[in-house]
PDB file of N, CA and C in Angstrom:
ATOM      1  N   MET A   1    -100.518 251.743-120.353  1.00  0.00           N
ATOM      2  CA  MET A   1     -99.392 251.553-119.447  1.00  0.00           C
ATOM      3  C   MET A   1     -97.920 251.670-120.278  1.00  0.00           C
ATOM      4  N   SER A   2     -97.171 252.526-119.717  1.00  0.00           N
ATOM      5  CA  SER A   2     -95.790 252.863-120.298  1.00  0.00           C
ATOM      6  C   SER A   2     -94.758 252.756-119.110  1.00  0.00           C
ATOM      7  N   GLN A   3     -93.788 252.196-119.300  1.00  0.00           N
ATOM      8  CA  GLN A   3     -92.413 252.031-118.673  1.00  0.00           C
ATOM      9  C   GLN A   3     -91.457 253.186-118.853  1.00  0.00           C
ATOM     10  N   LEU A   4     -90.929 253.639-117.989  1.00  0.00           N
ATOM     11  CA  LEU A   4     -89.780 254.743-118.104  1.00  0.00           C
ATOM     12  C   LEU A   4     -88.842 254.223-117.322  1.00  0.00           C
ATOM     13  N   LEU A   5     -87.427 254.417-117.988  1.00  0.00           N
ATOM     14  CA  LEU A   5     -86.112 254.366-117.154  1.00  0.00           C
ATOM     15  C   LEU A   5     -85.770 255.768-116.834  1.00  0.00           C
ATOM     16  N   ILE A   6     -85.662 255.941-115.771  1.00  0.00           N
ATOM     17  CA  ILE A   6     -85.142 257.421-115.186  1.00  0.00           C
ATOM     18  C   ILE A   6     -83.681 257.520-114.368  1.00  0.00           C
ATOM     19  N   GLU A   7     -83.014 258.478-115.019  1.00  0.00           N
ATOM     20  CA  GLU A   7     -81.596 258.290-114.387  1.00  0.00           C
ATOM     21  C   GLU A   7     -81.590 259.626-113.316  1.00  0.00           C
ATOM     22  N   ILE A   8     -81.339 259.497-112.100  1.00  0.00           N
ATOM     23  CA  ILE A   8     -81.419 260.608-111.046  1.00  0.00           C
ATOM     24  C   ILE A   8     -80.015 260.639-110.573  1.00  0.00           C
ATOM     25  N   ASP A   9     -79.683 261.979-110.615  1.00  0.00           N
ATOM     26  CA  ASP A   9     -78.168 262.407-110.074  1.00  0.00           C
ATOM     27  C   ASP A   9     -77.952 262.353-108.440  1.00  0.00           C
ATOM     28  N   THR A  10     -79.083 262.743-107.588  1.00  0.00           N
ATOM     29  CA  THR A  10     -78.927 263.074-106.254  1.00  0.00           C
ATOM     30  C   THR A  10     -79.866 262.126-105.716  1.00  0.00           C
ATOM     31  N   PRO A  11     -79.567 261.637-104.125  1.00  0.00           N
ATOM     32  CA  PRO A  11     -80.647 261.022-103.482  1.00  0.00           C
ATOM     33  C   PRO A  11     -81.774 261.850-103.178  1.00  0.00           C
ATOM     34  N   GLU A  12     -81.529 263.142-102.948  1.00  0.00           N
ATOM     35  CA  GLU A  12     -82.525 263.984-102.529  1.00  0.00           C
ATOM     36  C   GLU A  12     -83.756 263.840-103.576  1.00  0.00           C
ATOM     37  N   ASP A  13     -83.297 264.093-105.019  1.00  0.00           N
ATOM     38  CA  ASP A  13     -84.211 264.016-106.157  1.00  0.00           C
ATOM     39  C   ASP A  13     -84.984 262.569-106.238  1.00  0.00           C
ATOM     40  N   GLU A  14     -84.157 261.644-105.851  1.00  0.00           N
ATOM     41  CA  GLU A  14     -84.887 260.154-105.777  1.00  0.00           C
ATOM     42  C   GLU A  14     -85.664 260.378-104.826  1.00  0.00           C
ATOM     43  N   ALA A  15     -85.529 260.643-103.657  1.00  0.00           N
ATOM     44  CA  ALA A  15     -86.477 260.525-102.539  1.00  0.00           C
ATOM     45  C   ALA A  15     -87.744 261.456-103.036  1.00  0.00           C
ATOM     46  N   LEU A  16     -87.678 262.469-103.519  1.00  0.00           N
ATOM     47  CA  LEU A  16     -88.653 263.267-103.978  1.00  0.00           C
ATOM     48  C   LEU A  16     -89.756 262.598-104.851  1.00  0.00           C
ATOM     49  N   LEU A  17     -89.087 261.927-106.059  1.00  0.00           N
ATOM     50  CA  LEU A  17     -89.871 261.332-107.152  1.00  0.00           C
ATOM     51  C   LEU A  17     -90.445 260.168-106.373  1.00  0.00           C
ATOM     52  N   LEU A  18     -89.936 259.246-105.523  1.00  0.00           N
ATOM     53  CA  LEU A  18     -90.644 258.255-104.889  1.00  0.00           C
ATOM     54  C   LEU A  18     -91.526 258.691-104.082  1.00  0.00           C
ATOM     55  N   ARG A  19     -91.716 259.892-103.478  1.00  0.00           N
ATOM     56  CA  ARG A  19     -92.833 260.401-102.692  1.00  0.00           C
ATOM     57  C   ARG A  19     -93.959 260.723-103.810  1.00  0.00           C
ATOM     58  N   LEU A  20     -93.576 261.199-104.894  1.00  0.00           N
ATOM     59  CA  LEU A  20     -94.592 261.909-105.860  1.00  0.00           C
ATOM     60  C   LEU A  20     -95.291 260.412-106.673  1.00  0.00           C
ATOM     61  N   LEU A  21     -94.795 259.312-106.709  1.00  0.00           N
ATOM     62  CA  LEU A  21     -95.115 258.087-107.331  1.00  0.00           C
ATOM     63  C   LEU A  21     -96.611 257.905-107.120  1.00  0.00           C
ATOM     64  N   PRO A  22     -96.949 257.661-105.769  1.00  0.00           N
ATOM     65  CA  PRO A  22     -98.245 257.350-105.491  1.00  0.00           C
ATOM     66  C   PRO A  22     -99.213 258.359-105.800  1.00  0.00           C
ATOM     67  N   LYS A  23     -98.999 259.532-105.865  1.00  0.00           N
ATOM     68  CA  LYS A  23    -100.036 260.488-106.373  1.00  0.00           C
ATOM     69  C   LYS A  23    -100.200 260.343-107.854  1.00  0.00           C
ATOM     70  N   LEU A  24     -99.395 259.856-108.617  1.00  0.00           N
ATOM     71  CA  LEU A  24     -99.239 259.614-109.970  1.00  0.00           C
ATOM     72  C   LEU A  24     -99.913 258.068-110.291  1.00  0.00           C
ATOM     73  N   ASN A  25    -100.284 257.535-109.390  1.00  0.00           N
ATOM     74  CA  ASN A  25    -100.661 255.941-109.583  1.00  0.00           C
ATOM     75  C   ASN A  25     -99.447 255.134-110.408  1.00  0.00           C
ATOM     76  N   ALA A  26     -98.282 255.457-109.885  1.00  0.00           N
ATOM     77  CA  ALA A  26     -97.164 254.866-110.560  1.00  0.00           C
ATOM     78  C   ALA A  26     -96.367 254.008-109.507  1.00  0.00           C
ATOM     79  N   ARG A  27     -95.619 253.230-109.768  1.00  0.00           N
ATOM     80  CA  ARG A  27     -94.935 252.237-108.715  1.00  0.00           C
ATOM     81  C   ARG A  27     -93.478 252.152-109.487  1.00  0.00           C
ATOM     82  N   VAL A  28     -92.494 251.727-108.493  1.00  0.00           N
ATOM     83  CA  VAL A  28     -91.156 251.243-108.872  1.00  0.00           C
ATOM     84  C   VAL A  28     -91.394 249.664-109.080  1.00  0.00           C
ATOM     85  N   ILE A  29     -90.873 249.435-110.312  1.00  0.00           N
ATOM     86  CA  ILE A  29     -90.646 247.859-110.657  1.00  0.00           C
ATOM     87  C   ILE A  29     -89.191 247.558-110.563  1.00  0.00           C
ATOM     88  N   PRO A  30     -88.755 246.768-109.558  1.00  0.00           N
ATOM     89  CA  PRO A  30     -87.302 246.469-109.491  1.00  0.00           C
ATOM     90  C   PRO A  30     -86.861 245.709-110.809  1.00  0.00           C
ATOM     91  N   GLN A  31     -85.751 246.027-111.426  1.00  0.00           N
ATOM     92  CA  GLN A  31     -85.252 245.380-112.507  1.00  0.00           C
ATOM     93  C   GLN A  31     -84.456 244.015-111.969  1.00  0.00           C
ATOM     94  N   PRO A  32     -84.611 242.917-112.621  1.00  0.00           N
ATOM     95  CA  PRO A  32     -83.712 241.678-112.130  1.00  0.00           C
ATOM     96  C   PRO A  32     -82.387 241.958-112.541  1.00  0.00           C
ATOM     97  N   GLN A  33     -81.492 241.529-111.756  1.00  0.00           N
ATOM     98  CA  GLN A  33     -80.040 241.736-111.812  1.00  0.00           C
ATOM     99  C   GLN A  33     -79.657 240.697-112.719  1.00  0.00           C
ATOM    100  N   PRO A  34     -78.785 240.985-113.745  1.00  0.00           N
ATOM    101  CA  PRO A  34     -78.130 239.929-114.620  1.00  0.00           C
ATOM    102  C   PRO A  34     -77.287 238.869-113.879  1.00  0.00           C
ATOM    103  N   GLU A  35     -77.630 237.682-114.272  1.00  0.00           N
ATOM    104  CA  GLU A  35     -77.026 236.514-113.493  1.00  0.00           C
ATOM    105  C   GLU A  35     -75.487 236.665-114.113  1.00  0.00           C
ATOM    106  N   ALA A  36     -74.656 236.204-113.240  1.00  0.00           N
ATOM    107  CA  ALA A  36     -73.157 236.216-113.341  1.00  0.00           C
ATOM    108  C   ALA A  36     -72.988 235.170-114.420  1.00  0.00           C
ATOM    109  N   SER A  37     -72.413 235.439-115.483  1.00  0.00           N
ATOM    110  CA  SER A  37     -72.280 234.585-116.724  1.00  0.00           C
ATOM    111  C   SER A  37     -71.085 233.370-116.440  1.00  0.00           C
ATOM    112  N   LYS A  38     -71.394 232.274-117.018  1.00  0.00           N
ATOM    113  CA  LYS A  38     -70.533 231.032-116.718  1.00  0.00           C
ATOM    114  C   LYS A  38     -69.297 231.598-117.405  1.00  0.00           C
ATOM    115  N   PRO A  39     -67.970 231.036-116.731  1.00  0.00           N
ATOM    116  CA  PRO A  39     -66.832 231.238-117.463  1.00  0.00           C
ATOM    117  C   PRO A  39     -66.640 230.392-118.706  1.00  0.00           C
ATOM    118  N   SER A  40     -66.218 230.999-119.745  1.00  0.00           N
ATOM    119  CA  SER A  40     -65.971 230.396-121.003  1.00  0.00           C
ATOM    120  C   SER A  40     -64.828 229.325-120.874  1.00  0.00           C
ATOM    121  N   PHE A  41     -64.918 228.213-121.595  1.00  0.00           N
ATOM    122  CA  PHE A  41     -63.834 227.182-121.709  1.00  0.00           C
ATOM    123  C   PHE A  41     -62.314 227.923-122.006  1.00  0.00           C
ATOM    124  N   VAL A  42     -62.150 228.961-122.621  1.00  0.00           N
ATOM    125  CA  VAL A  42     -61.016 229.640-122.835  1.00  0.00           C
ATOM    126  C   VAL A  42     -60.494 230.242-121.618  1.00  0.00           C
ATOM    127  N   ASP A  43     -61.477 231.065-120.659  1.00  0.00           N
ATOM    128  CA  ASP A  43     -61.200 231.368-119.391  1.00  0.00           C
ATOM    129  C   ASP A  43     -60.856 230.421-118.521  1.00  0.00           C
ATOM    130  N   ILE A  44     -61.182 229.262-118.483  1.00  0.00           N
ATOM    131  CA  ILE A  44     -60.804 228.215-117.538  1.00  0.00           C
ATOM    132  C   ILE A  44     -59.508 227.753-117.951  1.00  0.00           C
ATOM    133  N   ALA A  45     -59.441 227.456-119.269  1.00  0.00           N
ATOM    134  CA  ALA A  45     -58.033 226.958-119.783  1.00  0.00           C
ATOM    135  C   ALA A  45     -57.063 227.956-119.342  1.00  0.00           C
ATOM    136  N   GLU A  46     -57.195 229.316-119.463  1.00  0.00           N
ATOM    137  CA  GLU A  46     -56.100 230.087-119.069  1.00  0.00           C
ATOM    138  C   GLU A  46     -55.963 230.093-117.623  1.00  0.00           C
ATOM    139  N   GLN A  47     -57.025 229.904-116.772  1.00  0.00           N
ATOM    140  CA  GLN A  47     -56.821 229.840-115.270  1.00  0.00           C
ATOM    141  C   GLN A  47     -55.944 228.487-114.956  1.00  0.00           C
ATOM    142  N   ILE A  48     -56.277 227.425-115.754  1.00  0.00           N
ATOM    143  CA  ILE A  48     -55.296 226.187-115.305  1.00  0.00           C
ATOM    144  C   ILE A  48     -53.870 226.394-115.890  1.00  0.00           C
ATOM    145  N   ALA A  49     -53.802 227.046-116.968  1.00  0.00           N
ATOM    146  CA  ALA A  49     -52.351 227.520-117.365  1.00  0.00           C
ATOM    147  C   ALA A  49     -51.648 228.267-116.503  1.00  0.00           C
ATOM    148  N   ALA A  50     -52.424 229.445-115.971  1.00  0.00           N
ATOM    149  CA  ALA A  50     -51.663 230.352-115.096  1.00  0.00           C
ATOM    150  C   ALA A  50     -51.256 229.675-113.855  1.00  0.00           C
ATOM    151  N   LEU A  51     -52.162 228.431-113.430  1.00  0.00           N
ATOM    152  CA  LEU A  51     -51.581 227.826-112.295  1.00  0.00           C
ATOM    153  C   LEU A  51     -50.559 226.796-112.350  1.00  0.00           C
ATOM    154  N   GLY A  52     -50.084 226.834-113.478  1.00  0.00           N
ATOM    155  CA  GLY A  52     -48.866 225.710-114.044  1.00  0.00           C
ATOM    156  C   GLY A  52     -49.333 224.623-114.852  1.00  0.00           C
ATOM    157  N   GLY A  53     -50.568 224.622-115.159  1.00  0.00           N
ATOM    158  CA  GLY A  53     -50.985 223.529-115.959  1.00  0.00           C
ATOM    159  C   GLY A  53     -51.443 222.113-115.299  1.00  0.00           C
ATOM    160  N   VAL A  54     -51.829 221.244-116.129  1.00  0.00           N
ATOM    161  CA  VAL A  54     -52.281 219.909-115.682  1.00  0.00           C
ATOM    162  C   VAL A  54     -51.261 219.020-115.301  1.00  0.00           C
ATOM    163  N   THR A  55     -51.008 218.461-114.221  1.00  0.00           N
ATOM    164  CA  THR A  55     -49.755 217.592-114.113  1.00  0.00           C
ATOM    165  C   THR A  55     -50.278 216.183-113.629  1.00  0.00           C
ATOM    166  N   SER A  56     -51.592 215.749-113.488  1.00  0.00           N
ATOM    167  CA  SER A  56     -52.049 214.486-113.159  1.00  0.00           C
ATOM    168  C   SER A  56     -52.127 213.530-114.097  1.00  0.00           C
ATOM    169  N   PHE A  57     -51.831 213.734-115.459  1.00  0.00           N
ATOM    170  CA  PHE A  57     -52.076 212.983-116.456  1.00  0.00           C
ATOM    171  C   PHE A  57     -51.203 211.827-116.712  1.00  0.00           C
ATOM    172  N   GLY A  58     -49.998 211.991-116.080  1.00  0.00           N
ATOM    173  CA  GLY A  58     -48.778 211.054-116.290  1.00  0.00           C
ATOM    174  C   GLY A  58     -48.121 211.009-117.509  1.00  0.00           C
ATOM    175  N   ASP A  59     -47.474 210.042-117.716  1.00  0.00           N
ATOM    176  CA  ASP A  59     -46.582 209.901-119.073  1.00  0.00           C
ATOM    177  C   ASP A  59     -47.537 209.224-120.069  1.00  0.00           C
ATOM    178  N   PRO A  60     -47.787 210.059-121.268  1.00  0.00           N
ATOM    179  CA  PRO A  60     -48.577 209.622-122.268  1.00  0.00           C
ATOM    180  C   PRO A  60     -48.135 208.232-122.985  1.00  0.00           C
ATOM    181  N   SER A  61     -46.900 208.029-123.021  1.00  0.00           N
ATOM    182  CA  SER A  61     -46.155 207.005-123.766  1.00  0.00           C
ATOM    183  C   SER A  61     -46.587 205.818-122.933  1.00  0.00           C
ATOM    184  N   GLU A  62     -46.472 205.873-121.672  1.00  0.00           N
ATOM    185  CA  GLU A  62     -46.825 204.781-120.687  1.00  0.00           C
ATOM    186  C   GLU A  62     -48.284 204.333-120.786  1.00  0.00           C
ATOM    187  N   TRP A  63     -49.133 205.376-120.943  1.00  0.00           N
ATOM    188  CA  TRP A  63     -50.575 205.127-120.950  1.00  0.00           C
ATOM    189  C   TRP A  63     -50.799 204.278-122.255  1.00  0.00           C
ATOM    190  N   GLN A  64     -50.137 204.975-123.408  1.00  0.00           N
ATOM    191  CA  GLN A  64     -50.431 204.303-124.506  1.00  0.00           C
ATOM    192  C   GLN A  64     -49.952 202.782-124.638  1.00  0.00           C
ATOM    193  N   ARG A  65     -48.769 202.474-124.122  1.00  0.00           N
ATOM    194  CA  ARG A  65     -48.368 201.048-124.012  1.00  0.00           C
ATOM    195  C   ARG A  65     -49.358 200.215-123.361  1.00  0.00           C
ATOM    196  N   LYS A  66     -49.853 200.677-122.298  1.00  0.00           N
ATOM    197  CA  LYS A  66     -50.756 199.954-121.555  1.00  0.00           C
ATOM    198  C   LYS A  66     -51.995 199.659-122.183  1.00  0.00           C
ATOM    199  N   ILE A  67     -52.764 200.815-122.886  1.00  0.00           N
ATOM    200  CA  ILE A  67     -53.783 200.619-123.695  1.00  0.00           C
ATOM    201  C   ILE A  67     -53.605 199.571-124.771  1.00  0.00           C
ATOM    202  N   ARG A  68     -52.585 199.783-125.453  1.00  0.00           N
ATOM    203  CA  ARG A  68     -52.243 198.944-126.641  1.00  0.00           C
ATOM    204  C   ARG A  68     -52.193 197.360-126.196  1.00  0.00           C
ATOM    205  N   GLY A  69     -51.675 197.006-124.934  1.00  0.00           N
ATOM    206  CA  GLY A  69     -51.606 195.608-124.479  1.00  0.00           C
ATOM    207  C   GLY A  69     -53.058 195.051-124.311  1.00  0.00           C
ATOM    208  N   TRP A  70     -54.107 195.913-124.307  1.00  0.00           N
ATOM    209  CA  TRP A  70     -55.402 195.273-124.249  1.00  0.00           C
ATOM    210  C   TRP A  70     -55.902 194.846-125.658  1.00  0.00           C
ATOM    211  N   ASP A  71     -55.118 195.222-126.470  1.00  0.00           N
ATOM    212  CA  ASP A  71     -55.695 194.970-128.052  1.00  0.00           C
ATOM    213  C   ASP A  71     -55.701 193.540-128.263  1.00  0.00           C
ATOM    214  N   ARG A  72     -56.793 193.023-128.994  1.00  0.00           N
ATOM    215  CA  ARG A  72     -56.906 191.587-129.363  1.00  0.00           C
ATOM    216  C   ARG A  72     -56.231 191.514-130.622  1.00  0.00           C
ATOM    217  N   VAL A  73     -55.815 190.369-130.915  1.00  0.00           N
ATOM    218  CA  VAL A  73     -55.306 189.841-132.267  1.00  0.00           C
ATOM    219  C   VAL A  73     -56.503 189.762-133.270  1.00  0.00           C
ATOM    220  N   LEU A  74     -56.383 190.475-134.184  1.00  0.00           N
ATOM    221  CA  LEU A  74     -57.395 190.234-135.300  1.00  0.00           C
ATOM    222  C   LEU A  74     -57.264 188.904-135.781  1.00  0.00           C
ATOM    223  N   ASP A  75     -58.617 188.543-136.446  1.00  0.00           N
ATOM    224  CA  ASP A  75     -58.624 187.215-136.907  1.00  0.00           C
ATOM    225  C   ASP A  75     -57.761 187.098-138.206  1.00  0.00           C
ATOM    226  N   GLY A  76     -57.067 185.950-138.667  1.00  0.00           N
ATOM    227  CA  GLY A  76     -56.247 185.883-139.681  1.00  0.00           C
ATOM    228  C   GLY A  76     -54.829 186.437-139.468  1.00  0.00           C
ATOM    229  N   ARG A  77     -54.516 187.110-138.265  1.00  0.00           N
ATOM    230  CA  ARG A  77     -53.239 187.793-137.964  1.00  0.00           C
ATOM    231  C   ARG A  77     -52.463 187.198-136.831  1.00  0.00           C
ATOM    232  N   GLU A  78     -51.138 187.066-136.845  1.00  0.00           N
ATOM    233  CA  GLU A  78     -50.473 186.453-135.866  1.00  0.00           C
ATOM    234  C   GLU A  78     -50.046 187.897-135.118  1.00  0.00           C
ATOM    235  N   GLU A  79     -49.522 187.328-133.876  1.00  0.00           N
ATOM    236  CA  GLU A  79     -49.126 188.611-132.974  1.00  0.00           C
ATOM    237  C   GLU A  79     -47.678 188.861-133.349  1.00  0.00           C
TER     238      GLU A  79
END
């Protein structure tokens, strides 16, 4: 058995070929369509930047002060 990839220019020629296939004990095997590829990280980052960037993170200095407030005093050291 062999498989061929055939390119046909007109619908009439395609119809003729499809009528001829059963006489040749041949059949059409549908090719799977390639899945849509997932967007890359760069694509997503560019989309976010095009929309004005991310604004929901808040002030980084305020976040750092809050996190540093949770630090514990190390043994042998004073505050």
